[in-house]
Amino acid sequence: EDRQGNFFKPKDGRNLVRIMPSWRGLEEVFYLQVPTHQNIGPDNKWGTCLQFWNEPCPVDTAIEELAGSNLASDQTLAAKMVAKDRFLVNVGYPNEADGVVKPWSMSESWFLEILSDYGNSDYGDFTDVRRGHDYTFTRTGTGLATKYTNKKFAPKSTKLLIDDYKKKLINLDAFIKHYTRKELRGFLRGDE
């Protein structure tokens, strides 16, 4: 959350972005899958599940305890905190020489929509620097009423035009905020 300002945030109306190649190298996957807990504690905090780093996670322990309760409210709370996968990609916008590159965090369902076009005969590797495709979508509404529609890749391929794009790519492995067990327990209690 403290890095929220560094993420790409879609604007109202039409958005046009370029999903960038991997920060690890051209032959590597272009995304990072991150298990994320939401609605942690009374302040509804978000945090990466510590299992991402192969560590025990106090939020997972709390979920198990709440799920074992006889109270429907505890079970509902447990269900809201279960880690869901978020997917991070680097996006460039606009695809022009002075374009900006930021990480974009998206839901699993949206990512799978995008991934379904990866390697198909129409788009191939849409992250390709010479023959990739820009991606467009429309955002309307705010809060829980936000909708994303008209999601599609441009029919024509275009060269990646962002100057020094390799230097602008965000190392997504290092970008993920690694909260400690103590910090996550504080989230669960509602500590400031």
N, C-alpha and C. Protein backbone atom coordinates (compact mmCIF):
# COMPACT_ATOMS: atom_id res chain seq x y z
N GLU A 1 0.81 -1.19 0.00
CA GLU A 1 0.00 0.00 0.00
C GLU A 1 0.86 1.26 0.00
N ASP A 2 2.00 1.22 0.69
CA ASP A 2 2.83 2.43 0.73
C ASP A 2 3.51 2.69 -0.60
N ARG A 3 3.45 1.74 -1.52
CA ARG A 3 4.03 1.94 -2.85
C ARG A 3 2.93 2.19 -3.89
N GLN A 4 1.71 2.35 -3.43
CA GLN A 4 0.56 2.46 -4.33
C GLN A 4 0.76 3.52 -5.40
N GLY A 5 1.38 4.64 -5.05
CA GLY A 5 1.58 5.71 -6.02
C GLY A 5 2.49 5.32 -7.16
N ASN A 6 3.24 4.24 -7.00
CA ASN A 6 4.15 3.80 -8.05
C ASN A 6 3.48 2.87 -9.06
N PHE A 7 2.27 2.42 -8.77
CA PHE A 7 1.58 1.50 -9.66
C PHE A 7 0.88 2.27 -10.79
N PHE A 8 0.73 1.60 -11.91
CA PHE A 8 -0.11 2.13 -12.99
C PHE A 8 -1.56 2.07 -12.52
N LYS A 9 -2.25 3.20 -12.62
CA LYS A 9 -3.67 3.26 -12.29
C LYS A 9 -4.42 3.70 -13.53
N PRO A 10 -5.30 2.84 -14.04
CA PRO A 10 -6.06 3.21 -15.23
C PRO A 10 -6.87 4.48 -15.00
N LYS A 11 -6.90 5.33 -16.00
CA LYS A 11 -7.67 6.58 -15.93
C LYS A 11 -9.08 6.31 -16.42
N ASP A 12 -9.99 7.22 -16.12
CA ASP A 12 -11.35 7.12 -16.65
C ASP A 12 -11.28 7.23 -18.18
N GLY A 13 -12.13 6.45 -18.84
CA GLY A 13 -12.15 6.48 -20.30
C GLY A 13 -11.21 5.45 -20.89
N ARG A 14 -10.76 5.74 -22.08
CA ARG A 14 -9.92 4.78 -22.84
C ARG A 14 -8.48 4.82 -22.33
N ASN A 15 -7.90 3.65 -22.15
CA ASN A 15 -6.51 3.49 -21.76
C ASN A 15 -5.79 2.69 -22.84
N LEU A 16 -4.58 3.09 -23.16
CA LEU A 16 -3.77 2.39 -24.15
C LEU A 16 -2.40 2.17 -23.52
N VAL A 17 -2.03 0.90 -23.36
CA VAL A 17 -0.76 0.55 -22.71
C VAL A 17 -0.03 -0.49 -23.56
N ARG A 18 1.22 -0.68 -23.23
CA ARG A 18 2.03 -1.74 -23.85
C ARG A 18 2.51 -2.64 -22.73
N ILE A 19 2.11 -3.91 -22.77
CA ILE A 19 2.61 -4.86 -21.79
C ILE A 19 4.04 -5.18 -22.19
N MET A 20 4.96 -4.91 -21.27
CA MET A 20 6.38 -4.93 -21.57
C MET A 20 6.97 -6.33 -21.44
N PRO A 21 8.14 -6.53 -22.07
CA PRO A 21 8.85 -7.79 -21.89
C PRO A 21 9.33 -7.93 -20.44
N SER A 22 9.83 -9.09 -20.12
CA SER A 22 10.27 -9.37 -18.76
C SER A 22 11.46 -8.52 -18.34
N TRP A 23 11.47 -8.13 -17.10
CA TRP A 23 12.60 -7.43 -16.48
C TRP A 23 13.78 -8.38 -16.28
N ARG A 24 13.53 -9.69 -16.37
CA ARG A 24 14.58 -10.70 -16.16
C ARG A 24 15.33 -11.03 -17.45
N GLY A 25 14.78 -10.62 -18.58
CA GLY A 25 15.38 -10.93 -19.87
C GLY A 25 14.31 -11.33 -20.87
N LEU A 26 14.62 -11.21 -22.15
CA LEU A 26 13.62 -11.41 -23.19
C LEU A 26 13.05 -12.83 -23.24
N GLU A 27 13.77 -13.81 -22.77
CA GLU A 27 13.28 -15.19 -22.84
C GLU A 27 12.53 -15.61 -21.57
N GLU A 28 12.36 -14.71 -20.63
CA GLU A 28 11.71 -15.02 -19.35
C GLU A 28 10.25 -14.59 -19.38
N VAL A 29 9.46 -15.11 -18.42
CA VAL A 29 8.05 -14.72 -18.34
C VAL A 29 7.95 -13.24 -17.99
N PHE A 30 6.92 -12.61 -18.50
CA PHE A 30 6.76 -11.16 -18.38
C PHE A 30 5.95 -10.75 -17.15
N TYR A 31 5.54 -11.71 -16.33
CA TYR A 31 4.66 -11.42 -15.20
C TYR A 31 5.20 -12.04 -13.91
N LEU A 32 4.63 -11.61 -12.80
CA LEU A 32 4.93 -12.18 -11.49
C LEU A 32 3.60 -12.47 -10.81
N GLN A 33 3.43 -13.71 -10.36
CA GLN A 33 2.21 -14.14 -9.68
C GLN A 33 2.43 -13.98 -8.18
N VAL A 34 1.55 -13.21 -7.52
CA VAL A 34 1.75 -12.85 -6.11
C VAL A 34 0.49 -13.17 -5.30
N PRO A 35 0.57 -14.14 -4.34
CA PRO A 35 -0.60 -14.41 -3.49
C PRO A 35 -0.79 -13.25 -2.51
N THR A 36 -1.98 -12.66 -2.53
CA THR A 36 -2.22 -11.43 -1.77
C THR A 36 -3.44 -11.58 -0.87
N HIS A 37 -3.23 -11.27 0.42
CA HIS A 37 -4.35 -11.24 1.36
C HIS A 37 -4.99 -9.85 1.29
N GLN A 38 -6.31 -9.82 1.31
CA GLN A 38 -7.07 -8.57 1.37
C GLN A 38 -7.92 -8.59 2.63
N ASN A 39 -8.41 -7.42 3.01
CA ASN A 39 -9.32 -7.31 4.16
C ASN A 39 -8.70 -7.85 5.44
N ILE A 40 -7.41 -7.55 5.66
CA ILE A 40 -6.74 -8.02 6.86
C ILE A 40 -7.09 -7.07 8.02
N GLY A 41 -7.69 -7.62 9.06
CA GLY A 41 -7.98 -6.86 10.27
C GLY A 41 -9.04 -5.79 10.09
N PRO A 42 -9.24 -4.98 11.14
CA PRO A 42 -10.31 -3.98 11.11
C PRO A 42 -10.09 -2.86 10.10
N ASP A 43 -8.85 -2.67 9.66
CA ASP A 43 -8.56 -1.61 8.69
C ASP A 43 -8.52 -2.11 7.26
N ASN A 44 -8.88 -3.38 7.06
CA ASN A 44 -8.93 -3.99 5.72
C ASN A 44 -7.65 -3.78 4.92
N LYS A 45 -6.51 -4.07 5.55
CA LYS A 45 -5.21 -3.93 4.90
C LYS A 45 -5.01 -5.03 3.86
N TRP A 46 -4.07 -4.78 2.98
CA TRP A 46 -3.63 -5.76 1.98
C TRP A 46 -2.18 -6.11 2.28
N GLY A 47 -1.77 -7.33 1.99
CA GLY A 47 -0.38 -7.72 2.13
C GLY A 47 -0.09 -9.02 1.41
N THR A 48 1.12 -9.14 0.93
CA THR A 48 1.54 -10.37 0.26
C THR A 48 1.64 -11.48 1.28
N CYS A 49 1.08 -12.64 0.94
CA CYS A 49 1.17 -13.81 1.82
C CYS A 49 2.64 -14.19 1.96
N LEU A 50 3.06 -14.43 3.19
CA LEU A 50 4.47 -14.76 3.42
C LEU A 50 4.87 -16.10 2.80
N GLN A 51 3.90 -16.92 2.43
CA GLN A 51 4.25 -18.16 1.74
C GLN A 51 4.92 -17.88 0.40
N PHE A 52 4.73 -16.67 -0.14
CA PHE A 52 5.43 -16.26 -1.36
C PHE A 52 6.95 -16.40 -1.18
N TRP A 53 7.42 -16.17 0.06
CA TRP A 53 8.84 -16.28 0.40
C TRP A 53 9.11 -17.56 1.20
N ASN A 54 8.18 -18.52 1.15
CA ASN A 54 8.31 -19.79 1.87
C ASN A 54 8.46 -19.59 3.37
N GLU A 55 7.69 -18.64 3.91
CA GLU A 55 7.69 -18.37 5.35
C GLU A 55 6.28 -18.61 5.89
N PRO A 56 6.18 -18.99 7.18
CA PRO A 56 4.84 -19.14 7.76
C PRO A 56 4.15 -17.78 7.82
N CYS A 57 2.86 -17.76 7.54
CA CYS A 57 2.12 -16.51 7.46
C CYS A 57 1.07 -16.44 8.58
N PRO A 58 1.13 -15.40 9.43
CA PRO A 58 0.14 -15.29 10.50
C PRO A 58 -1.28 -15.05 9.99
N VAL A 59 -1.42 -14.51 8.80
CA VAL A 59 -2.76 -14.31 8.25
C VAL A 59 -3.36 -15.68 7.90
N ASP A 60 -2.56 -16.58 7.36
CA ASP A 60 -3.04 -17.93 7.08
C ASP A 60 -3.48 -18.63 8.37
N THR A 61 -2.71 -18.44 9.44
CA THR A 61 -3.06 -19.03 10.75
C THR A 61 -4.38 -18.46 11.24
N ALA A 62 -4.56 -17.15 11.12
CA ALA A 62 -5.82 -16.52 11.54
C ALA A 62 -6.99 -17.03 10.71
N ILE A 63 -6.77 -17.23 9.42
CA ILE A 63 -7.82 -17.74 8.54
C ILE A 63 -8.26 -19.13 8.99
N GLU A 64 -7.28 -19.99 9.31
CA GLU A 64 -7.60 -21.35 9.77
C GLU A 64 -8.42 -21.31 11.05
N GLU A 65 -8.03 -20.43 11.99
CA GLU A 65 -8.76 -20.33 13.26
C GLU A 65 -10.19 -19.82 13.02
N LEU A 66 -10.33 -18.78 12.22
CA LEU A 66 -11.65 -18.22 11.95
C LEU A 66 -12.54 -19.21 11.18
N ALA A 67 -11.96 -19.93 10.25
CA ALA A 67 -12.72 -20.90 9.46
C ALA A 67 -13.22 -22.05 10.32
N GLY A 68 -12.50 -22.35 11.41
CA GLY A 68 -12.91 -23.43 12.31
C GLY A 68 -13.95 -23.00 13.34
N SER A 69 -14.29 -21.75 13.36
CA SER A 69 -15.27 -21.22 14.30
C SER A 69 -16.69 -21.66 13.92
N ASN A 70 -17.58 -21.69 14.91
CA ASN A 70 -18.99 -21.99 14.65
C ASN A 70 -19.77 -20.75 14.25
N LEU A 71 -19.14 -19.58 14.33
CA LEU A 71 -19.82 -18.33 14.00
C LEU A 71 -19.71 -18.05 12.50
N ALA A 72 -20.85 -17.77 11.88
CA ALA A 72 -20.86 -17.46 10.45
C ALA A 72 -20.05 -16.20 10.16
N SER A 73 -20.06 -15.23 11.06
CA SER A 73 -19.30 -13.99 10.85
C SER A 73 -17.80 -14.26 10.80
N ASP A 74 -17.32 -15.19 11.64
CA ASP A 74 -15.89 -15.56 11.61
C ASP A 74 -15.54 -16.26 10.30
N GLN A 75 -16.41 -17.14 9.86
CA GLN A 75 -16.16 -17.86 8.62
C GLN A 75 -16.19 -16.92 7.42
N THR A 76 -17.08 -15.94 7.45
CA THR A 76 -17.14 -14.94 6.38
C THR A 76 -15.86 -14.11 6.35
N LEU A 77 -15.40 -13.71 7.53
CA LEU A 77 -14.15 -12.94 7.62
C LEU A 77 -12.96 -13.75 7.10
N ALA A 78 -12.92 -15.03 7.45
CA ALA A 78 -11.85 -15.91 6.97
C ALA A 78 -11.85 -15.96 5.45
N ALA A 79 -13.05 -16.10 4.87
CA ALA A 79 -13.16 -16.20 3.40
C ALA A 79 -12.68 -14.92 2.73
N LYS A 80 -12.93 -13.77 3.34
CA LYS A 80 -12.51 -12.49 2.76
C LYS A 80 -10.98 -12.32 2.77
N MET A 81 -10.32 -12.99 3.72
CA MET A 81 -8.86 -12.82 3.85
C MET A 81 -8.04 -13.85 3.09
N VAL A 82 -8.68 -14.90 2.58
CA VAL A 82 -7.94 -15.94 1.86
C VAL A 82 -7.13 -15.29 0.73
N ALA A 83 -5.88 -15.69 0.61
CA ALA A 83 -4.99 -15.12 -0.40
C ALA A 83 -5.53 -15.41 -1.80
N LYS A 84 -5.56 -14.36 -2.61
CA LYS A 84 -5.93 -14.49 -4.02
C LYS A 84 -4.73 -14.04 -4.84
N ASP A 85 -4.53 -14.69 -5.95
CA ASP A 85 -3.39 -14.32 -6.79
C ASP A 85 -3.65 -13.00 -7.49
N ARG A 86 -2.66 -12.12 -7.42
CA ARG A 86 -2.60 -10.90 -8.21
C ARG A 86 -1.44 -11.11 -9.17
N PHE A 87 -1.50 -10.48 -10.31
CA PHE A 87 -0.45 -10.63 -11.30
C PHE A 87 0.13 -9.26 -11.60
N LEU A 88 1.45 -9.17 -11.52
CA LEU A 88 2.15 -7.93 -11.82
C LEU A 88 2.82 -8.04 -13.17
N VAL A 89 2.67 -6.98 -13.96
CA VAL A 89 3.37 -6.84 -15.23
C VAL A 89 3.90 -5.42 -15.31
N ASN A 90 4.92 -5.22 -16.09
CA ASN A 90 5.36 -3.86 -16.42
C ASN A 90 4.54 -3.38 -17.60
N VAL A 91 4.03 -2.15 -17.51
CA VAL A 91 3.33 -1.57 -18.65
C VAL A 91 3.97 -0.24 -19.00
N GLY A 92 4.03 0.01 -20.29
CA GLY A 92 4.51 1.29 -20.78
C GLY A 92 3.36 2.07 -21.36
N TYR A 93 3.36 3.37 -21.10
CA TYR A 93 2.31 4.22 -21.67
C TYR A 93 2.80 5.65 -21.74
N PRO A 94 2.53 6.33 -22.79
CA PRO A 94 2.10 5.75 -24.06
C PRO A 94 3.29 5.08 -24.73
N ASN A 95 3.04 4.33 -25.79
CA ASN A 95 4.12 3.68 -26.53
C ASN A 95 4.76 4.71 -27.45
N GLU A 96 5.45 5.65 -26.82
CA GLU A 96 6.17 6.72 -27.52
C GLU A 96 7.53 6.86 -26.87
N ALA A 97 8.42 7.58 -27.50
CA ALA A 97 9.81 7.69 -27.03
C ALA A 97 9.90 8.05 -25.55
N ASP A 98 9.09 8.99 -25.08
CA ASP A 98 9.18 9.42 -23.69
C ASP A 98 8.17 8.71 -22.79
N GLY A 99 7.70 7.54 -23.18
CA GLY A 99 6.72 6.79 -22.39
C GLY A 99 7.24 6.40 -21.02
N VAL A 100 6.32 6.23 -20.10
CA VAL A 100 6.60 5.85 -18.72
C VAL A 100 6.37 4.35 -18.56
N VAL A 101 7.13 3.71 -17.68
CA VAL A 101 6.93 2.29 -17.38
C VAL A 101 6.62 2.18 -15.88
N LYS A 102 5.52 1.49 -15.57
CA LYS A 102 5.13 1.27 -14.18
C LYS A 102 4.62 -0.16 -14.02
N PRO A 103 4.66 -0.69 -12.80
CA PRO A 103 4.05 -2.00 -12.58
C PRO A 103 2.53 -1.87 -12.53
N TRP A 104 1.86 -2.88 -13.05
CA TRP A 104 0.41 -2.93 -13.06
C TRP A 104 0.00 -4.21 -12.35
N SER A 105 -0.81 -4.08 -11.31
CA SER A 105 -1.33 -5.21 -10.56
C SER A 105 -2.75 -5.49 -11.02
N MET A 106 -2.99 -6.71 -11.46
CA MET A 106 -4.33 -7.04 -11.96
C MET A 106 -4.83 -8.34 -11.36
N SER A 107 -6.13 -8.50 -11.39
CA SER A 107 -6.76 -9.71 -10.86
C SER A 107 -6.39 -10.91 -11.73
N GLU A 108 -6.57 -12.08 -11.15
CA GLU A 108 -6.29 -13.31 -11.88
C GLU A 108 -7.19 -13.44 -13.11
N SER A 109 -8.46 -13.09 -12.98
CA SER A 109 -9.38 -13.25 -14.12
C SER A 109 -8.97 -12.35 -15.28
N TRP A 110 -8.59 -11.10 -14.99
CA TRP A 110 -8.18 -10.20 -16.06
C TRP A 110 -6.87 -10.69 -16.69
N PHE A 111 -5.93 -11.10 -15.84
CA PHE A 111 -4.66 -11.60 -16.36
C PHE A 111 -4.88 -12.81 -17.27
N LEU A 112 -5.76 -13.72 -16.87
CA LEU A 112 -6.00 -14.90 -17.69
C LEU A 112 -6.64 -14.54 -19.03
N GLU A 113 -7.47 -13.49 -19.04
CA GLU A 113 -8.00 -12.99 -20.32
C GLU A 113 -6.86 -12.56 -21.24
N ILE A 114 -5.94 -11.80 -20.67
CA ILE A 114 -4.80 -11.31 -21.45
C ILE A 114 -3.92 -12.48 -21.90
N LEU A 115 -3.64 -13.38 -20.97
CA LEU A 115 -2.76 -14.50 -21.27
C LEU A 115 -3.34 -15.42 -22.34
N SER A 116 -4.67 -15.46 -22.45
CA SER A 116 -5.28 -16.32 -23.47
C SER A 116 -4.91 -15.89 -24.88
N ASP A 117 -4.48 -14.63 -25.03
CA ASP A 117 -4.05 -14.15 -26.35
C ASP A 117 -2.55 -14.33 -26.59
N TYR A 118 -1.82 -14.75 -25.57
CA TYR A 118 -0.38 -14.90 -25.71
C TYR A 118 -0.05 -16.09 -26.60
N GLY A 119 0.64 -15.84 -27.66
CA GLY A 119 1.07 -16.92 -28.55
C GLY A 119 0.03 -17.35 -29.57
N ASN A 120 -1.17 -16.74 -29.57
CA ASN A 120 -2.14 -17.16 -30.58
C ASN A 120 -1.76 -16.57 -31.94
N SER A 121 -2.39 -17.05 -32.96
CA SER A 121 -1.99 -16.67 -34.32
C SER A 121 -2.20 -15.19 -34.63
N ASP A 122 -3.12 -14.52 -33.92
CA ASP A 122 -3.36 -13.10 -34.18
C ASP A 122 -2.31 -12.19 -33.55
N TYR A 123 -1.82 -12.58 -32.35
CA TYR A 123 -0.95 -11.66 -31.61
C TYR A 123 0.45 -12.20 -31.34
N GLY A 124 0.63 -13.50 -31.30
CA GLY A 124 1.94 -14.05 -30.99
C GLY A 124 2.38 -13.59 -29.62
N ASP A 125 3.64 -13.21 -29.51
CA ASP A 125 4.18 -12.67 -28.25
C ASP A 125 3.89 -11.17 -28.25
N PHE A 126 2.82 -10.78 -27.59
CA PHE A 126 2.42 -9.36 -27.62
C PHE A 126 3.40 -8.46 -26.88
N THR A 127 4.38 -9.06 -26.16
CA THR A 127 5.42 -8.25 -25.51
C THR A 127 6.64 -8.05 -26.41
N ASP A 128 6.65 -8.66 -27.58
CA ASP A 128 7.80 -8.59 -28.49
C ASP A 128 8.13 -7.13 -28.82
N VAL A 129 9.41 -6.78 -28.73
CA VAL A 129 9.81 -5.38 -28.92
C VAL A 129 9.69 -4.93 -30.38
N ARG A 130 9.67 -5.86 -31.32
CA ARG A 130 9.57 -5.49 -32.74
C ARG A 130 8.17 -5.70 -33.31
N ARG A 131 7.50 -6.76 -32.86
CA ARG A 131 6.21 -7.12 -33.45
C ARG A 131 5.10 -7.29 -32.41
N GLY A 132 5.22 -6.62 -31.27
CA GLY A 132 4.21 -6.74 -30.22
C GLY A 132 2.96 -5.94 -30.52
N HIS A 133 2.04 -5.97 -29.59
CA HIS A 133 0.75 -5.29 -29.77
C HIS A 133 0.44 -4.45 -28.54
N ASP A 134 -0.05 -3.25 -28.76
CA ASP A 134 -0.54 -2.42 -27.67
C ASP A 134 -1.88 -2.99 -27.19
N TYR A 135 -2.24 -2.65 -25.96
CA TYR A 135 -3.46 -3.17 -25.33
C TYR A 135 -4.34 -2.00 -24.93
N THR A 136 -5.62 -2.11 -25.22
CA THR A 136 -6.54 -1.02 -24.91
C THR A 136 -7.73 -1.54 -24.11
N PHE A 137 -8.26 -0.66 -23.26
CA PHE A 137 -9.47 -0.96 -22.49
C PHE A 137 -10.08 0.34 -22.02
N THR A 138 -11.33 0.26 -21.57
CA THR A 138 -12.05 1.44 -21.10
C THR A 138 -12.42 1.26 -19.64
N ARG A 139 -12.17 2.30 -18.86
CA ARG A 139 -12.55 2.28 -17.44
C ARG A 139 -13.70 3.26 -17.23
N THR A 140 -14.73 2.80 -16.51
CA THR A 140 -15.84 3.67 -16.13
C THR A 140 -16.19 3.40 -14.67
N GLY A 141 -16.77 4.39 -14.00
CA GLY A 141 -17.21 4.23 -12.62
C GLY A 141 -16.10 4.40 -11.62
N THR A 142 -16.48 4.34 -10.33
CA THR A 142 -15.51 4.46 -9.24
C THR A 142 -15.84 3.43 -8.17
N GLY A 143 -14.85 3.18 -7.31
CA GLY A 143 -15.05 2.25 -6.20
C GLY A 143 -15.52 0.89 -6.67
N LEU A 144 -16.50 0.35 -5.95
CA LEU A 144 -17.02 -0.97 -6.29
C LEU A 144 -17.81 -0.98 -7.59
N ALA A 145 -18.17 0.20 -8.09
CA ALA A 145 -18.91 0.30 -9.35
C ALA A 145 -17.98 0.44 -10.57
N THR A 146 -16.66 0.33 -10.36
CA THR A 146 -15.72 0.45 -11.47
C THR A 146 -15.88 -0.73 -12.42
N LYS A 147 -15.89 -0.42 -13.70
CA LYS A 147 -16.00 -1.46 -14.74
C LYS A 147 -14.89 -1.24 -15.76
N TYR A 148 -14.38 -2.35 -16.28
CA TYR A 148 -13.38 -2.34 -17.34
C TYR A 148 -13.98 -3.08 -18.53
N THR A 149 -14.09 -2.39 -19.65
CA THR A 149 -14.71 -2.98 -20.84
C THR A 149 -13.83 -2.75 -22.06
N ASN A 150 -14.26 -3.29 -23.18
CA ASN A 150 -13.57 -3.11 -24.47
C ASN A 150 -12.10 -3.50 -24.39
N LYS A 151 -11.81 -4.57 -23.66
CA LYS A 151 -10.42 -5.01 -23.46
C LYS A 151 -9.96 -5.80 -24.69
N LYS A 152 -8.90 -5.32 -25.33
CA LYS A 152 -8.41 -6.03 -26.52
C LYS A 152 -7.03 -5.52 -26.93
N PHE A 153 -6.34 -6.36 -27.66
CA PHE A 153 -5.07 -5.98 -28.24
C PHE A 153 -5.31 -5.30 -29.57
N ALA A 154 -4.44 -4.36 -29.92
CA ALA A 154 -4.54 -3.69 -31.22
C ALA A 154 -4.36 -4.75 -32.31
N PRO A 155 -5.13 -4.65 -33.40
CA PRO A 155 -5.02 -5.66 -34.45
C PRO A 155 -3.68 -5.63 -35.19
N LYS A 156 -3.05 -4.46 -35.26
CA LYS A 156 -1.76 -4.36 -35.95
C LYS A 156 -0.62 -4.34 -34.93
N SER A 157 0.45 -5.03 -35.26
CA SER A 157 1.62 -5.01 -34.39
C SER A 157 2.36 -3.69 -34.57
N THR A 158 3.05 -3.29 -33.51
CA THR A 158 3.85 -2.07 -33.54
C THR A 158 5.16 -2.32 -32.81
N LYS A 159 6.15 -1.61 -33.19
CA LYS A 159 7.44 -1.66 -32.52
C LYS A 159 7.32 -0.97 -31.16
N LEU A 160 8.06 -1.46 -30.18
CA LEU A 160 8.12 -0.80 -28.89
C LEU A 160 8.96 0.47 -29.06
N LEU A 161 8.36 1.62 -28.84
CA LEU A 161 9.00 2.90 -29.13
C LEU A 161 9.61 3.59 -27.92
N ILE A 162 9.37 3.09 -26.72
CA ILE A 162 9.83 3.75 -25.49
C ILE A 162 11.36 3.70 -25.43
N ASP A 163 11.97 4.89 -25.39
CA ASP A 163 13.43 4.98 -25.33
C ASP A 163 13.97 4.29 -24.08
N ASP A 164 15.09 3.59 -24.23
CA ASP A 164 15.78 2.94 -23.11
C ASP A 164 14.82 2.12 -22.25
N TYR A 165 13.92 1.39 -22.90
CA TYR A 165 12.90 0.66 -22.15
C TYR A 165 13.50 -0.32 -21.15
N LYS A 166 14.65 -0.92 -21.47
CA LYS A 166 15.28 -1.88 -20.55
C LYS A 166 15.64 -1.22 -19.23
N LYS A 167 16.09 0.03 -19.30
CA LYS A 167 16.45 0.76 -18.08
C LYS A 167 15.22 1.18 -17.29
N LYS A 168 14.08 1.27 -17.95
CA LYS A 168 12.86 1.71 -17.30
C LYS A 168 12.06 0.56 -16.68
N LEU A 169 12.37 -0.68 -17.07
CA LEU A 169 11.64 -1.82 -16.52
C LEU A 169 11.84 -1.91 -15.01
N ILE A 170 10.75 -2.17 -14.29
CA ILE A 170 10.80 -2.33 -12.84
C ILE A 170 11.12 -3.79 -12.53
N ASN A 171 12.07 -4.00 -11.60
CA ASN A 171 12.37 -5.35 -11.14
C ASN A 171 11.23 -5.76 -10.21
N LEU A 172 10.27 -6.49 -10.74
CA LEU A 172 9.08 -6.85 -9.98
C LEU A 172 9.39 -7.77 -8.81
N ASP A 173 10.46 -8.57 -8.91
CA ASP A 173 10.86 -9.42 -7.79
C ASP A 173 11.19 -8.58 -6.56
N ALA A 174 11.84 -7.45 -6.77
CA ALA A 174 12.25 -6.59 -5.66
C ALA A 174 11.17 -5.58 -5.29
N PHE A 175 10.16 -5.42 -6.13
CA PHE A 175 9.13 -4.40 -5.91
C PHE A 175 8.12 -4.81 -4.84
N ILE A 176 7.91 -6.11 -4.68
CA ILE A 176 6.90 -6.61 -3.75
C ILE A 176 7.29 -6.25 -2.32
N LYS A 177 6.34 -5.65 -1.60
CA LYS A 177 6.57 -5.28 -0.20
C LYS A 177 6.53 -6.54 0.65
N HIS A 178 7.62 -6.79 1.38
CA HIS A 178 7.73 -7.97 2.23
C HIS A 178 7.47 -7.55 3.68
N TYR A 179 6.21 -7.65 4.09
CA TYR A 179 5.88 -7.35 5.48
C TYR A 179 6.40 -8.49 6.37
N THR A 180 6.78 -8.15 7.57
CA THR A 180 7.23 -9.16 8.53
C THR A 180 6.01 -9.81 9.18
N ARG A 181 6.25 -10.93 9.86
CA ARG A 181 5.16 -11.58 10.60
C ARG A 181 4.60 -10.61 11.64
N LYS A 182 5.48 -9.86 12.28
CA LYS A 182 5.05 -8.90 13.30
C LYS A 182 4.14 -7.83 12.69
N GLU A 183 4.51 -7.32 11.52
CA GLU A 183 3.69 -6.31 10.85
C GLU A 183 2.31 -6.87 10.48
N LEU A 184 2.28 -8.09 9.95
CA LEU A 184 1.01 -8.70 9.57
C LEU A 184 0.14 -8.99 10.79
N ARG A 185 0.76 -9.41 11.90
CA ARG A 185 -0.02 -9.59 13.13
C ARG A 185 -0.60 -8.26 13.59
N GLY A 186 0.16 -7.17 13.40
CA GLY A 186 -0.34 -5.83 13.71
C GLY A 186 -1.53 -5.46 12.84
N PHE A 187 -1.48 -5.83 11.56
CA PHE A 187 -2.62 -5.60 10.66
C PHE A 187 -3.87 -6.31 11.19
N LEU A 188 -3.67 -7.58 11.64
CA LEU A 188 -4.79 -8.37 12.13
C LEU A 188 -5.43 -7.73 13.38
N ARG A 189 -4.59 -7.13 14.24
CA ARG A 189 -5.08 -6.48 15.46
C ARG A 189 -5.62 -5.07 15.20
N GLY A 190 -5.21 -4.47 14.09
CA GLY A 190 -5.61 -3.09 13.82
C GLY A 190 -4.66 -2.08 14.39
N ASP A 191 -3.41 -2.49 14.66
CA ASP A 191 -2.40 -1.56 15.17
C ASP A 191 -2.09 -0.52 14.11
N GLU A 192 -1.75 0.66 14.53
CA GLU A 192 -1.34 1.72 13.60
C GLU A 192 0.06 1.47 13.11
